[in-house]
């Protein structure tokens, strides 16, 4: 049974984290759970008065399973410079996106204007990313629209652009139709399997939520390894 489990883990890593092939084939011994530190839940229970469309992932009342990643991965976004499509945020400042504070407090987030907006993180060097976690607003149940996450080699996103998540099912943000699910915000954040995508710059889009037309970002983490 143990041998079968190791084989399954190894195969899964090779499939969902293609980037690891650049540093060799990984086995179960090369992996460990991502060392996430979650914020305090701001509310409990599940929504009962919201209609779920076919593009919304039903909320779960179970904890998220540990995410297995290569040993030694770090949050390469921590403390890094953040820029945005919105030059004058309504509330907060852009550095709050990578300051490590994920709590649902009034001073823990930056809020951007209406319509599609993005925040961008300069990782300062090229990295292979295995997981990106975003906390928009976990103070109340809401579904963020057009959540799109991309990685690129240049700040203008013209070189080696990779889309690792796209929930824009009707192309309302103009970046292509996405096949990923919309989801309810909660204290765990949205963990996106980056599959080893390489790049120096990370950009996250959104287009308001079911709660507000504004775009809130509490924290973004990018777990990966530098590419030499």
C-alpha atoms as a PDB file:
ATOM      1  CA  UNK A   1       0.000   0.000   0.000  1.00  0.00           C
ATOM      2  CA  UNK A   2       2.834   2.376   0.897  1.00  0.00           C
ATOM      3  CA  UNK A   3       4.552   1.696  -2.428  1.00  0.00           C
ATOM      4  CA  UNK A   4       1.333   2.411  -4.298  1.00  0.00           C
ATOM      5  CA  UNK A   5       0.845   5.670  -2.403  1.00  0.00           C
ATOM      6  CA  UNK A   6       4.360   6.816  -3.240  1.00  0.00           C
ATOM      7  CA  UNK A   7       3.892   5.989  -6.887  1.00  0.00           C
ATOM      8  CA  UNK A   8       0.593   7.867  -6.989  1.00  0.00           C
ATOM      9  CA  UNK A   9       2.097  10.958  -5.378  1.00  0.00           C
ATOM     10  CA  UNK A  10       5.034  10.873  -7.765  1.00  0.00           C
ATOM     11  CA  UNK A  11       2.800  10.585 -10.813  1.00  0.00           C
ATOM     12  CA  UNK A  12       0.554  13.361  -9.584  1.00  0.00           C
ATOM     13  CA  UNK A  13       3.471  15.736  -9.112  1.00  0.00           C
ATOM     14  CA  UNK A  14       4.745  15.044 -12.602  1.00  0.00           C
ATOM     15  CA  UNK A  15       1.313  15.775 -14.041  1.00  0.00           C
ATOM     16  CA  UNK A  16       0.240  18.853 -12.071  1.00  0.00           C
ATOM     17  CA  UNK A  17       3.677  20.383 -11.488  1.00  0.00           C
ATOM     18  CA  UNK A  18       5.371  20.075 -14.851  1.00  0.00           C
ATOM     19  CA  UNK A  19       7.943  22.644 -13.801  1.00  0.00           C
ATOM     20  CA  UNK A  20       9.620  20.146 -11.498  1.00  0.00           C
ATOM     21  CA  UNK A  21      10.879  18.254 -14.525  1.00  0.00           C
ATOM     22  CA  UNK A  22      13.478  20.994 -14.950  1.00  0.00           C
ATOM     23  CA  UNK A  23      15.049  20.020 -11.644  1.00  0.00           C
ATOM     24  CA  UNK A  24      14.529  16.302 -11.926  1.00  0.00           C
ATOM     25  CA  UNK A  25      11.870  13.760 -11.157  1.00  0.00           C
ATOM     26  CA  UNK A  26      10.411  14.084  -7.669  1.00  0.00           C
ATOM     27  CA  UNK A  27       9.353  11.257  -5.426  1.00  0.00           C
ATOM     28  CA  UNK A  28       7.184  11.326  -2.326  1.00  0.00           C
ATOM     29  CA  UNK A  29      10.351  11.860  -0.271  1.00  0.00           C
ATOM     30  CA  UNK A  30      10.953  15.137  -2.129  1.00  0.00           C
ATOM     31  CA  UNK A  31       7.578  16.579  -1.094  1.00  0.00           C
ATOM     32  CA  UNK A  32       6.090  18.042   2.035  1.00  0.00           C
ATOM     33  CA  UNK A  33       2.873  19.866   2.942  1.00  0.00           C
ATOM     34  CA  UNK A  34       2.921  23.558   2.139  1.00  0.00           C
ATOM     35  CA  UNK A  35       3.600  25.362   5.470  1.00  0.00           C
ATOM     36  CA  UNK A  36       0.629  27.713   5.303  1.00  0.00           C
ATOM     37  CA  UNK A  37      -0.382  29.842   8.271  1.00  0.00           C
ATOM     38  CA  UNK A  38      -4.068  30.681   7.976  1.00  0.00           C
ATOM     39  CA  UNK A  39      -5.831  33.712   9.452  1.00  0.00           C
ATOM     40  CA  UNK A  40      -8.580  33.488  12.046  1.00  0.00           C
ATOM     41  CA  UNK A  41     -11.957  32.630  10.470  1.00  0.00           C
ATOM     42  CA  UNK A  42     -14.089  35.766  10.332  1.00  0.00           C
ATOM     43  CA  UNK A  43     -17.360  33.834  10.236  1.00  0.00           C
ATOM     44  CA  UNK A  44     -18.622  30.279  10.492  1.00  0.00           C
ATOM     45  CA  UNK A  45     -21.214  28.213   8.679  1.00  0.00           C
ATOM     46  CA  UNK A  46     -22.237  28.077   5.034  1.00  0.00           C
ATOM     47  CA  UNK A  47     -24.380  30.457   2.951  1.00  0.00           C
ATOM     48  CA  UNK A  48     -28.071  29.616   2.762  1.00  0.00           C
ATOM     49  CA  UNK A  49     -29.568  32.553   0.870  1.00  0.00           C
ATOM     50  CA  UNK A  50     -27.379  32.734  -2.253  1.00  0.00           C
ATOM     51  CA  UNK A  51     -28.171  31.008  -5.517  1.00  0.00           C
ATOM     52  CA  UNK A  52     -25.286  29.063  -7.012  1.00  0.00           C
ATOM     53  CA  UNK A  53     -24.899  29.226 -10.770  1.00  0.00           C
ATOM     54  CA  UNK A  54     -23.219  26.483 -12.786  1.00  0.00           C
ATOM     55  CA  UNK A  55     -19.890  28.352 -12.705  1.00  0.00           C
ATOM     56  CA  UNK A  56     -19.676  28.616  -8.911  1.00  0.00           C
ATOM     57  CA  UNK A  57     -17.978  25.931  -6.865  1.00  0.00           C
ATOM     58  CA  UNK A  58     -20.202  24.911  -3.929  1.00  0.00           C
ATOM     59  CA  UNK A  59     -18.671  25.829  -0.566  1.00  0.00           C
ATOM     60  CA  UNK A  60     -17.209  23.060   1.542  1.00  0.00           C
ATOM     61  CA  UNK A  61     -17.586  22.608   5.285  1.00  0.00           C
ATOM     62  CA  UNK A  62     -14.379  20.537   5.445  1.00  0.00           C
ATOM     63  CA  UNK A  63     -10.814  21.828   5.835  1.00  0.00           C
ATOM     64  CA  UNK A  64      -8.754  21.956   2.679  1.00  0.00           C
ATOM     65  CA  UNK A  65      -6.443  18.996   2.212  1.00  0.00           C
ATOM     66  CA  UNK A  66      -2.711  19.721   2.611  1.00  0.00           C
ATOM     67  CA  UNK A  67      -1.025  20.788  -0.618  1.00  0.00           C
ATOM     68  CA  UNK A  68       2.129  18.832  -1.367  1.00  0.00           C
ATOM     69  CA  UNK A  69       5.013  20.862  -2.770  1.00  0.00           C
ATOM     70  CA  UNK A  70       8.762  20.391  -3.234  1.00  0.00           C
ATOM     71  CA  UNK A  71      10.739  20.697  -0.025  1.00  0.00           C
ATOM     72  CA  UNK A  72      12.262  24.098   0.537  1.00  0.00           C
ATOM     73  CA  UNK A  73       9.627  26.184  -1.262  1.00  0.00           C
ATOM     74  CA  UNK A  74       9.252  29.690   0.111  1.00  0.00           C
ATOM     75  CA  UNK A  75       6.731  32.477  -0.193  1.00  0.00           C
ATOM     76  CA  UNK A  76       8.729  34.381  -2.799  1.00  0.00           C
ATOM     77  CA  UNK A  77       6.132  37.183  -2.830  1.00  0.00           C
ATOM     78  CA  UNK A  78       6.643  38.119   0.829  1.00  0.00           C
ATOM     79  CA  UNK A  79       7.460  41.800   1.200  1.00  0.00           C
ATOM     80  CA  UNK A  80       7.906  42.301  -2.543  1.00  0.00           C
ATOM     81  CA  UNK A  81       6.878  45.435  -4.448  1.00  0.00           C
ATOM     82  CA  UNK A  82       3.265  45.628  -5.641  1.00  0.00           C
ATOM     83  CA  UNK A  83       1.916  47.774  -8.477  1.00  0.00           C
ATOM     84  CA  UNK A  84      -1.622  48.019  -9.809  1.00  0.00           C
ATOM     85  CA  UNK A  85      -3.876  49.091 -12.657  1.00  0.00           C
ATOM     86  CA  UNK A  86      -5.510  51.421 -10.118  1.00  0.00           C
ATOM     87  CA  UNK A  87      -3.136  54.299  -9.398  1.00  0.00           C
ATOM     88  CA  UNK A  88      -5.293  55.685  -6.583  1.00  0.00           C
ATOM     89  CA  UNK A  89      -6.722  52.906  -4.382  1.00  0.00           C
ATOM     90  CA  UNK A  90      -9.872  53.779  -2.473  1.00  0.00           C
ATOM     91  CA  UNK A  91      -8.672  52.304   0.803  1.00  0.00           C
ATOM     92  CA  UNK A  92      -5.320  51.055   2.034  1.00  0.00           C
ATOM     93  CA  UNK A  93      -2.003  50.810   0.217  1.00  0.00           C
ATOM     94  CA  UNK A  94      -0.557  48.289  -2.216  1.00  0.00           C
ATOM     95  CA  UNK A  95       2.159  47.030   0.122  1.00  0.00           C
ATOM     96  CA  UNK A  96      -0.599  45.413   2.216  1.00  0.00           C
ATOM     97  CA  UNK A  97      -0.907  42.756  -0.505  1.00  0.00           C
ATOM     98  CA  UNK A  98       2.417  41.158   0.467  1.00  0.00           C
ATOM     99  CA  UNK A  99       2.890  42.267   4.100  1.00  0.00           C
ATOM    100  CA  UNK A 100       1.926  38.914   5.633  1.00  0.00           C
ATOM    101  CA  UNK A 101      -1.270  40.149   7.330  1.00  0.00           C
ATOM    102  CA  UNK A 102      -4.183  37.974   6.161  1.00  0.00           C
ATOM    103  CA  UNK A 103      -6.637  38.821   8.924  1.00  0.00           C
ATOM    104  CA  UNK A 104     -10.085  40.210   8.104  1.00  0.00           C
ATOM    105  CA  UNK A 105      -9.354  43.569   9.720  1.00  0.00           C
ATOM    106  CA  UNK A 106     -10.206  47.043   8.447  1.00  0.00           C
ATOM    107  CA  UNK A 107      -6.526  47.926   8.069  1.00  0.00           C
ATOM    108  CA  UNK A 108      -5.380  44.703   6.394  1.00  0.00           C
ATOM    109  CA  UNK A 109      -6.495  45.257   2.794  1.00  0.00           C
ATOM    110  CA  UNK A 110      -6.267  47.533  -0.211  1.00  0.00           C
ATOM    111  CA  UNK A 111      -9.466  48.292  -2.126  1.00  0.00           C
ATOM    112  CA  UNK A 112      -9.423  49.193  -5.817  1.00  0.00           C
ATOM    113  CA  UNK A 113     -12.055  50.849  -7.993  1.00  0.00           C
ATOM    114  CA  UNK A 114     -14.781  49.224 -10.090  1.00  0.00           C
ATOM    115  CA  UNK A 115     -14.472  47.097 -13.192  1.00  0.00           C
ATOM    116  CA  UNK A 116     -11.515  44.853 -13.943  1.00  0.00           C
ATOM    117  CA  UNK A 117      -8.445  45.758 -11.907  1.00  0.00           C
ATOM    118  CA  UNK A 118      -5.168  44.003 -11.225  1.00  0.00           C
ATOM    119  CA  UNK A 119      -2.351  43.884  -8.716  1.00  0.00           C
ATOM    120  CA  UNK A 120       1.121  42.844  -9.803  1.00  0.00           C
ATOM    121  CA  UNK A 121       4.022  41.518  -7.751  1.00  0.00           C
ATOM    122  CA  UNK A 122       7.665  41.788  -8.769  1.00  0.00           C
ATOM    123  CA  UNK A 123       9.297  38.640  -7.375  1.00  0.00           C
ATOM    124  CA  UNK A 124      12.688  40.280  -8.119  1.00  0.00           C
ATOM    125  CA  UNK A 125      13.977  37.152  -9.825  1.00  0.00           C
ATOM    126  CA  UNK A 126      12.579  34.355 -11.917  1.00  0.00           C
ATOM    127  CA  UNK A 127      10.973  31.600  -9.895  1.00  0.00           C
ATOM    128  CA  UNK A 128       9.206  28.301 -10.454  1.00  0.00           C
ATOM    129  CA  UNK A 129       5.847  28.661  -8.732  1.00  0.00           C
ATOM    130  CA  UNK A 130       3.971  25.713  -7.270  1.00  0.00           C
ATOM    131  CA  UNK A 131       1.128  27.395  -5.393  1.00  0.00           C
ATOM    132  CA  UNK A 132      -0.413  30.865  -5.392  1.00  0.00           C
ATOM    133  CA  UNK A 133      -2.868  31.728  -2.621  1.00  0.00           C
ATOM    134  CA  UNK A 134      -5.053  34.834  -2.728  1.00  0.00           C
ATOM    135  CA  UNK A 135      -7.256  36.308  -0.014  1.00  0.00           C
ATOM    136  CA  UNK A 136      -9.562  38.921  -1.522  1.00  0.00           C
ATOM    137  CA  UNK A 137     -12.031  39.489   1.318  1.00  0.00           C
ATOM    138  CA  UNK A 138     -12.943  36.774   3.790  1.00  0.00           C
ATOM    139  CA  UNK A 139     -14.977  39.016   6.076  1.00  0.00           C
ATOM    140  CA  UNK A 140     -18.254  37.797   4.574  1.00  0.00           C
ATOM    141  CA  UNK A 141     -19.497  35.252   2.054  1.00  0.00           C
ATOM    142  CA  UNK A 142     -18.975  36.517  -1.461  1.00  0.00           C
ATOM    143  CA  UNK A 143     -17.855  35.297  -4.849  1.00  0.00           C
ATOM    144  CA  UNK A 144     -15.233  37.299  -6.709  1.00  0.00           C
ATOM    145  CA  UNK A 145     -15.706  37.676 -10.453  1.00  0.00           C
ATOM    146  CA  UNK A 146     -13.137  37.179 -13.209  1.00  0.00           C
ATOM    147  CA  UNK A 147     -10.323  35.932 -11.010  1.00  0.00           C
ATOM    148  CA  UNK A 148      -7.405  35.582 -13.418  1.00  0.00           C
ATOM    149  CA  UNK A 149      -3.823  34.848 -12.393  1.00  0.00           C
ATOM    150  CA  UNK A 150      -0.889  35.109 -14.776  1.00  0.00           C
ATOM    151  CA  UNK A 151       2.899  34.785 -14.645  1.00  0.00           C
ATOM    152  CA  UNK A 152       5.318  36.504 -17.042  1.00  0.00           C
ATOM    153  CA  UNK A 153       8.969  37.385 -17.527  1.00  0.00           C
ATOM    154  CA  UNK A 154       8.420  41.136 -17.999  1.00  0.00           C
ATOM    155  CA  UNK A 155       6.352  43.785 -16.167  1.00  0.00           C
ATOM    156  CA  UNK A 156       4.253  44.550 -19.256  1.00  0.00           C
ATOM    157  CA  UNK A 157       3.185  40.920 -19.579  1.00  0.00           C
ATOM    158  CA  UNK A 158       4.274  40.432 -23.160  1.00  0.00           C
ATOM    159  CA  UNK A 159       6.973  37.775 -22.661  1.00  0.00           C
ATOM    160  CA  UNK A 160       6.378  34.159 -21.730  1.00  0.00           C
ATOM    161  CA  UNK A 161       2.901  34.856 -20.300  1.00  0.00           C
ATOM    162  CA  UNK A 162       1.231  31.890 -18.612  1.00  0.00           C
ATOM    163  CA  UNK A 163      -2.321  31.874 -17.264  1.00  0.00           C
ATOM    164  CA  UNK A 164      -2.547  29.603 -14.234  1.00  0.00           C
ATOM    165  CA  UNK A 165      -6.145  30.434 -13.273  1.00  0.00           C
ATOM    166  CA  UNK A 166      -9.113  31.978 -15.085  1.00  0.00           C
ATOM    167  CA  UNK A 167     -12.715  31.991 -13.818  1.00  0.00           C
ATOM    168  CA  UNK A 168     -13.955  34.558 -16.375  1.00  0.00           C
ATOM    169  CA  UNK A 169     -16.522  32.296 -18.034  1.00  0.00           C
ATOM    170  CA  UNK A 170     -17.991  35.031 -20.295  1.00  0.00           C
ATOM    171  CA  UNK A 171     -14.783  36.927 -21.183  1.00  0.00           C
ATOM    172  CA  UNK A 172     -16.079  40.098 -19.546  1.00  0.00           C
ATOM    173  CA  UNK A 173     -12.494  41.100 -18.688  1.00  0.00           C
ATOM    174  CA  UNK A 174     -11.273  40.505 -22.239  1.00  0.00           C
ATOM    175  CA  UNK A 175      -8.482  38.056 -21.441  1.00  0.00           C
ATOM    176  CA  UNK A 176     -10.183  34.978 -22.827  1.00  0.00           C
ATOM    177  CA  UNK A 177     -12.832  32.576 -21.614  1.00  0.00           C
ATOM    178  CA  UNK A 178     -11.756  30.710 -18.500  1.00  0.00           C
ATOM    179  CA  UNK A 179     -12.693  27.208 -17.418  1.00  0.00           C
ATOM    180  CA  UNK A 180     -11.858  27.471 -13.711  1.00  0.00           C
ATOM    181  CA  UNK A 181     -14.652  27.769 -11.162  1.00  0.00           C
ATOM    182  CA  UNK A 182     -15.733  30.845  -9.256  1.00  0.00           C
ATOM    183  CA  UNK A 183     -15.670  30.215  -5.521  1.00  0.00           C
ATOM    184  CA  UNK A 184     -16.754  31.560  -2.144  1.00  0.00           C
ATOM    185  CA  UNK A 185     -14.194  33.560  -0.220  1.00  0.00           C
ATOM    186  CA  UNK A 186     -13.143  32.154   3.143  1.00  0.00           C
ATOM    187  CA  UNK A 187     -10.257  32.312   5.591  1.00  0.00           C
ATOM    188  CA  UNK A 188      -8.322  29.583   3.760  1.00  0.00           C
ATOM    189  CA  UNK A 189      -7.930  31.772   0.680  1.00  0.00           C
ATOM    190  CA  UNK A 190      -7.952  30.347  -2.820  1.00  0.00           C
ATOM    191  CA  UNK A 191      -5.040  27.980  -3.379  1.00  0.00           C
ATOM    192  CA  UNK A 192      -4.111  27.788  -7.043  1.00  0.00           C
ATOM    193  CA  UNK A 193      -1.897  24.996  -8.301  1.00  0.00           C
ATOM    194  CA  UNK A 194       0.712  26.871 -10.344  1.00  0.00           C
ATOM    195  CA  UNK A 195       2.155  23.643 -11.762  1.00  0.00           C
ATOM    196  CA  UNK A 196       5.724  24.920 -11.703  1.00  0.00           C
ATOM    197  CA  UNK A 197       5.028  27.922 -13.953  1.00  0.00           C
ATOM    198  CA  UNK A 198       8.133  30.095 -14.246  1.00  0.00           C
ATOM    199  CA  UNK A 199       8.332  33.873 -14.301  1.00  0.00           C
ATOM    200  CA  UNK A 200       9.442  36.967 -12.429  1.00  0.00           C
ATOM    201  CA  UNK A 201       6.130  38.814 -12.349  1.00  0.00           C
ATOM    202  CA  UNK A 202       2.811  37.680 -10.941  1.00  0.00           C
ATOM    203  CA  UNK A 203      -0.438  39.471 -11.857  1.00  0.00           C
ATOM    204  CA  UNK A 204      -3.904  38.892 -10.382  1.00  0.00           C
ATOM    205  CA  UNK A 205      -7.110  40.283 -11.888  1.00  0.00           C
ATOM    206  CA  UNK A 206     -10.627  40.603 -10.476  1.00  0.00           C
ATOM    207  CA  UNK A 207     -13.862  42.353 -11.421  1.00  0.00           C
ATOM    208  CA  UNK A 208     -15.725  42.987  -8.178  1.00  0.00           C
ATOM    209  CA  UNK A 209     -17.795  40.445  -6.303  1.00  0.00           C
ATOM    210  CA  UNK A 210     -21.332  39.476  -5.420  1.00  0.00           C
ATOM    211  CA  UNK A 211     -20.981  41.759  -2.380  1.00  0.00           C
ATOM    212  CA  UNK A 212     -19.391  44.838  -3.925  1.00  0.00           C
ATOM    213  CA  UNK A 213     -18.359  46.232  -7.312  1.00  0.00           C
ATOM    214  CA  UNK A 214     -15.015  47.195  -5.778  1.00  0.00           C
ATOM    215  CA  UNK A 215     -11.923  44.982  -5.761  1.00  0.00           C
ATOM    216  CA  UNK A 216     -10.353  44.096  -2.428  1.00  0.00           C
ATOM    217  CA  UNK A 217      -6.999  42.353  -1.907  1.00  0.00           C
ATOM    218  CA  UNK A 218      -5.980  41.276   1.575  1.00  0.00           C
ATOM    219  CA  UNK A 219      -2.942  39.080   0.822  1.00  0.00           C
ATOM    220  CA  UNK A 220      -1.217  37.146  -1.944  1.00  0.00           C
ATOM    221  CA  UNK A 221       1.341  34.411  -1.396  1.00  0.00           C
ATOM    222  CA  UNK A 222       3.427  32.759  -4.119  1.00  0.00           C
ATOM    223  CA  UNK A 223       5.209  29.588  -3.055  1.00  0.00           C
ATOM    224  CA  UNK A 224       8.104  28.559  -5.220  1.00  0.00           C
ATOM    225  CA  UNK A 225      11.829  28.161  -5.803  1.00  0.00           C
ATOM    226  CA  UNK A 226      14.274  30.515  -7.549  1.00  0.00           C
ATOM    227  CA  UNK A 227      15.255  29.560 -11.097  1.00  0.00           C
ATOM    228  CA  UNK A 228      18.984  29.823 -11.729  1.00  0.00           C
END
